[in-house]
Amino acid sequence: MRIEVNSPHIKQKDLENFINLPVIVKVIGVFNEESAKSLYADCDTALSTGQRILPIFIDSYGGSVDSLVGMLDYFQSFRDNGVEIVTIACGKAMSCGAMLFAMGDKRYVGKRSRIMFHRVSAGSFGNPDDIKTDAKESERLEKFIFEEVSKNIGRPKIWLFDQLKKNNFTDWYLTADEAIESKVATNIGIPQFTFKIDTHFGYA
């Protein structure tokens, strides 16, 4: 983030003493309870600054789908308050990382970065009835997330499932250009966020 100060009254080194600087949230590494907890805390800090844009940098191979769902619910609370979600894939956004990326209002992918979608993976143990119930819940959760992603990028709700089906349900990798073509991404490149501070001294 670039900070531009056009004021003789505020020195760059003293900014944090006067102003709540905007927050850029980063999701790096595995999706789990710890990373979700960190994201919630960073988002809360961002909300306290009054910023109307919430940038989310993603560099992840994925992880727990339950942690992903929690993050998506949290994002919705920001949208409900008029905050724009901007997701940025830098390096890789795979599995849960791809799903999170695709749920941005604006979606930037690095020129050399990759995005990868696949079906929800789950493991289960217990008696046969428990295993059947867990499998049914995994299918329900997958359907829900796939539909949410498809709708968010302006596609029919079965679009993502159909794309994976065309790929024989193997890992579906997208380059930056392919992500743009498929509407998974809206822009190529890493955006430069600028925070401008300008004060005036006058009289009336």
Protein backbone atom coordinates (compact mmCIF):
# COMPACT_ATOMS: atom_id res chain seq x y z
CA MET A 1 0.00 0.00 0.00
CA ARG A 2 1.32 3.42 -0.96
CA ILE A 3 0.64 6.25 1.47
CA GLU A 4 0.68 9.79 0.12
CA VAL A 5 0.79 12.63 2.64
CA ASN A 6 0.14 16.12 1.35
CA SER A 7 0.19 18.02 4.59
CA PRO A 8 2.75 20.04 6.57
CA HIS A 9 0.78 19.14 9.71
CA ILE A 10 1.37 15.36 9.62
CA LYS A 11 4.75 13.70 9.25
CA GLN A 12 4.91 10.28 7.62
CA LYS A 13 6.67 8.76 10.65
CA ASP A 14 3.88 9.99 12.94
CA LEU A 15 0.95 8.68 10.90
CA GLU A 16 -0.05 5.90 13.28
CA ASN A 17 -0.38 8.44 16.10
CA PHE A 18 -3.02 10.40 14.19
CA ILE A 19 -4.76 8.10 11.74
CA ASN A 20 -6.20 4.59 11.61
CA LEU A 21 -4.36 3.31 8.55
CA PRO A 22 -6.26 1.00 6.17
CA VAL A 23 -5.69 -2.74 6.53
CA ILE A 24 -4.78 -5.24 3.80
CA VAL A 25 -5.72 -8.78 4.88
CA LYS A 26 -3.46 -11.68 3.89
CA VAL A 27 -4.44 -15.36 3.66
CA ILE A 28 -1.18 -17.23 3.28
CA GLY A 29 -0.73 -20.96 3.82
CA VAL A 30 -3.24 -23.54 4.98
CA PHE A 31 -6.94 -22.83 5.56
CA ASN A 32 -7.59 -23.92 9.13
CA GLU A 33 -9.03 -22.58 12.38
CA GLU A 34 -5.92 -20.53 13.10
CA SER A 35 -5.87 -18.84 9.70
CA ALA A 36 -9.61 -18.18 9.96
CA LYS A 37 -9.14 -16.65 13.41
CA SER A 38 -6.36 -14.43 12.03
CA LEU A 39 -8.55 -13.33 9.13
CA TYR A 40 -11.44 -12.45 11.45
CA ALA A 41 -9.13 -10.31 13.59
CA ASP A 42 -7.64 -8.51 10.59
CA CYS A 43 -11.10 -7.89 9.14
CA ASP A 44 -12.31 -6.47 12.47
CA THR A 45 -9.34 -4.10 12.49
CA ALA A 46 -10.12 -3.06 8.92
CA LEU A 47 -13.74 -2.37 9.82
CA SER A 48 -12.62 -0.14 12.70
CA THR A 49 -10.68 2.10 10.27
CA GLY A 50 -13.82 2.96 8.34
CA GLN A 51 -12.34 1.79 5.03
CA ARG A 52 -14.87 0.92 2.34
CA ILE A 53 -12.58 -1.44 0.43
CA LEU A 54 -11.33 -4.69 1.97
CA PRO A 55 -8.34 -6.13 0.04
CA ILE A 56 -7.66 -9.84 0.57
CA PHE A 57 -4.30 -11.20 -0.65
CA ILE A 58 -4.39 -14.99 -1.19
CA ASP A 59 -1.40 -17.31 -1.57
CA SER A 60 -2.57 -20.78 -0.58
CA TYR A 61 -2.87 -24.42 -1.62
CA GLY A 62 -6.16 -24.63 0.34
CA GLY A 63 -7.20 -26.60 3.40
CA SER A 64 -10.33 -26.98 5.51
CA VAL A 65 -13.61 -26.29 3.73
CA ASP A 66 -15.28 -25.47 7.07
CA SER A 67 -12.77 -22.67 7.63
CA LEU A 68 -13.55 -21.41 4.12
CA VAL A 69 -17.29 -21.32 4.83
CA GLY A 70 -16.67 -19.28 7.97
CA MET A 71 -14.61 -16.77 5.98
CA LEU A 72 -17.34 -16.46 3.35
CA ASP A 73 -19.97 -15.79 6.01
CA TYR A 74 -17.71 -13.13 7.51
CA PHE A 75 -17.26 -11.45 4.13
CA GLN A 76 -21.00 -11.30 3.64
CA SER A 77 -21.35 -9.22 6.80
CA PHE A 78 -18.97 -6.68 5.23
CA ARG A 79 -20.92 -6.63 1.98
CA ASP A 80 -24.12 -6.06 3.94
CA ASN A 81 -22.47 -2.91 5.30
CA GLY A 82 -21.45 -1.62 1.86
CA VAL A 83 -17.78 -2.69 1.96
CA GLU A 84 -16.29 -3.84 -1.37
CA ILE A 85 -14.31 -7.11 -1.23
CA VAL A 86 -11.24 -7.12 -3.49
CA THR A 87 -9.44 -10.48 -3.73
CA ILE A 88 -5.92 -10.80 -5.11
CA ALA A 89 -4.33 -14.13 -6.09
CA CYS A 90 -0.58 -13.78 -5.74
CA GLY A 91 1.37 -16.94 -6.54
CA LYS A 92 -1.41 -19.47 -6.12
CA ALA A 93 -5.05 -19.67 -5.13
CA MET A 94 -5.96 -23.36 -5.07
CA SER A 95 -8.79 -25.43 -3.64
CA CYS A 96 -10.27 -23.34 -0.79
CA GLY A 97 -8.00 -20.51 -1.90
CA ALA A 98 -9.62 -20.54 -5.35
CA MET A 99 -13.11 -20.53 -3.83
CA LEU A 100 -12.25 -17.60 -1.58
CA PHE A 101 -10.67 -15.73 -4.48
CA ALA A 102 -13.74 -16.22 -6.68
CA MET A 103 -16.00 -14.68 -4.05
CA GLY A 104 -14.47 -11.22 -4.38
CA ASP A 105 -16.43 -8.33 -5.87
CA LYS A 106 -13.31 -7.51 -7.89
CA ARG A 107 -10.79 -10.29 -8.47
CA TYR A 108 -7.16 -9.65 -9.43
CA VAL A 109 -4.79 -12.45 -10.40
CA GLY A 110 -1.04 -12.03 -10.73
CA LYS A 111 0.28 -12.40 -14.27
CA ARG A 112 2.26 -15.53 -13.35
CA SER A 113 -0.12 -16.86 -10.71
CA ARG A 114 -2.31 -19.97 -10.89
CA ILE A 115 -5.82 -20.79 -9.77
CA MET A 116 -7.03 -24.34 -9.23
CA PHE A 117 -10.49 -25.71 -8.52
CA HIS A 118 -11.43 -29.25 -7.56
CA ARG A 119 -14.18 -31.14 -5.78
CA VAL A 120 -14.53 -31.01 -2.01
CA SER A 121 -12.43 -33.69 -0.32
CA ALA A 122 -13.55 -35.28 2.94
CA GLY A 123 -12.71 -38.22 5.14
CA SER A 124 -14.99 -40.08 7.51
CA PHE A 125 -14.95 -42.86 10.07
CA GLY A 126 -17.52 -44.56 12.26
CA ASN A 127 -20.40 -46.89 11.56
CA PRO A 128 -21.82 -47.22 8.01
CA ASP A 129 -24.73 -44.89 8.74
CA ASP A 130 -22.39 -42.14 9.99
CA ILE A 131 -20.24 -42.51 6.89
CA LYS A 132 -23.30 -42.19 4.64
CA THR A 133 -24.45 -39.11 6.53
CA ASP A 134 -21.01 -37.50 6.27
CA ALA A 135 -20.86 -38.22 2.53
CA LYS A 136 -24.28 -36.67 2.04
CA GLU A 137 -23.23 -33.57 3.98
CA SER A 138 -20.04 -33.24 1.90
CA GLU A 139 -22.14 -33.31 -1.28
CA ARG A 140 -24.51 -30.69 0.12
CA LEU A 141 -21.63 -28.42 1.14
CA GLU A 142 -19.92 -28.81 -2.22
CA LYS A 143 -23.12 -27.97 -4.09
CA PHE A 144 -23.66 -24.89 -1.93
CA ILE A 145 -20.12 -23.54 -2.41
CA PHE A 146 -20.03 -24.28 -6.14
CA GLU A 147 -23.33 -22.46 -6.62
CA GLU A 148 -22.17 -19.46 -4.57
CA VAL A 149 -18.97 -19.16 -6.61
CA SER A 150 -20.78 -19.52 -9.93
CA LYS A 151 -23.37 -16.88 -9.07
CA ASN A 152 -20.76 -14.45 -7.77
CA ILE A 153 -18.86 -14.44 -11.06
CA GLY A 154 -22.06 -14.01 -13.06
CA ARG A 155 -22.46 -17.60 -14.22
CA PRO A 156 -25.38 -20.05 -13.94
CA LYS A 157 -25.30 -21.79 -10.56
CA ILE A 158 -24.25 -25.17 -12.06
CA TRP A 159 -21.39 -23.62 -14.03
CA LEU A 160 -18.46 -24.60 -11.80
CA PHE A 161 -19.66 -28.17 -11.39
CA ASP A 162 -20.06 -28.45 -15.16
CA GLN A 163 -16.52 -27.14 -15.75
CA LEU A 164 -15.08 -29.76 -13.41
CA LYS A 165 -17.22 -32.43 -15.06
CA LYS A 166 -15.77 -31.45 -18.47
CA ASN A 167 -12.34 -31.90 -16.90
CA ASN A 168 -13.29 -35.41 -15.69
CA PHE A 169 -13.38 -34.08 -12.12
CA THR A 170 -9.59 -33.78 -11.99
CA ASP A 171 -7.81 -30.67 -10.70
CA TRP A 172 -8.72 -27.73 -12.96
CA TYR A 173 -5.83 -25.27 -13.32
CA LEU A 174 -6.25 -21.78 -14.74
CA THR A 175 -3.58 -19.35 -15.88
CA ALA A 176 -4.23 -15.64 -15.45
CA ASP A 177 -5.47 -15.34 -19.04
CA GLU A 178 -7.74 -18.36 -18.64
CA ALA A 179 -9.11 -16.96 -15.38
CA ILE A 180 -10.06 -13.75 -17.20
CA GLU A 181 -11.61 -15.63 -20.10
CA SER A 182 -13.74 -17.74 -17.75
CA LYS A 183 -14.72 -14.68 -15.63
CA VAL A 184 -13.15 -16.24 -12.54
CA ALA A 185 -10.91 -13.14 -12.44
CA THR A 186 -11.81 -9.59 -13.41
CA ASN A 187 -8.28 -8.16 -13.77
CA ILE A 188 -4.70 -9.32 -14.33
CA GLY A 189 -1.97 -7.88 -12.13
CA ILE A 190 -1.48 -6.88 -8.52
CA PRO A 191 -3.35 -3.67 -7.73
CA GLN A 192 -1.58 -0.79 -6.01
CA PHE A 193 -3.69 0.56 -3.18
CA THR A 194 -3.14 4.22 -2.38
CA PHE A 195 -4.11 6.04 0.80
CA LYS A 196 -4.06 9.82 0.32
CA ILE A 197 -3.98 12.28 3.18
CA ASP A 198 -4.55 15.95 2.42
CA THR A 199 -5.18 18.70 4.97
CA HIS A 200 -5.86 22.40 4.51
CA PHE A 201 -5.52 25.34 6.88
CA GLY A 202 -7.85 28.24 6.35
CA TYR A 203 -10.43 30.52 7.93
CA ALA A 204 -14.04 31.55 7.47
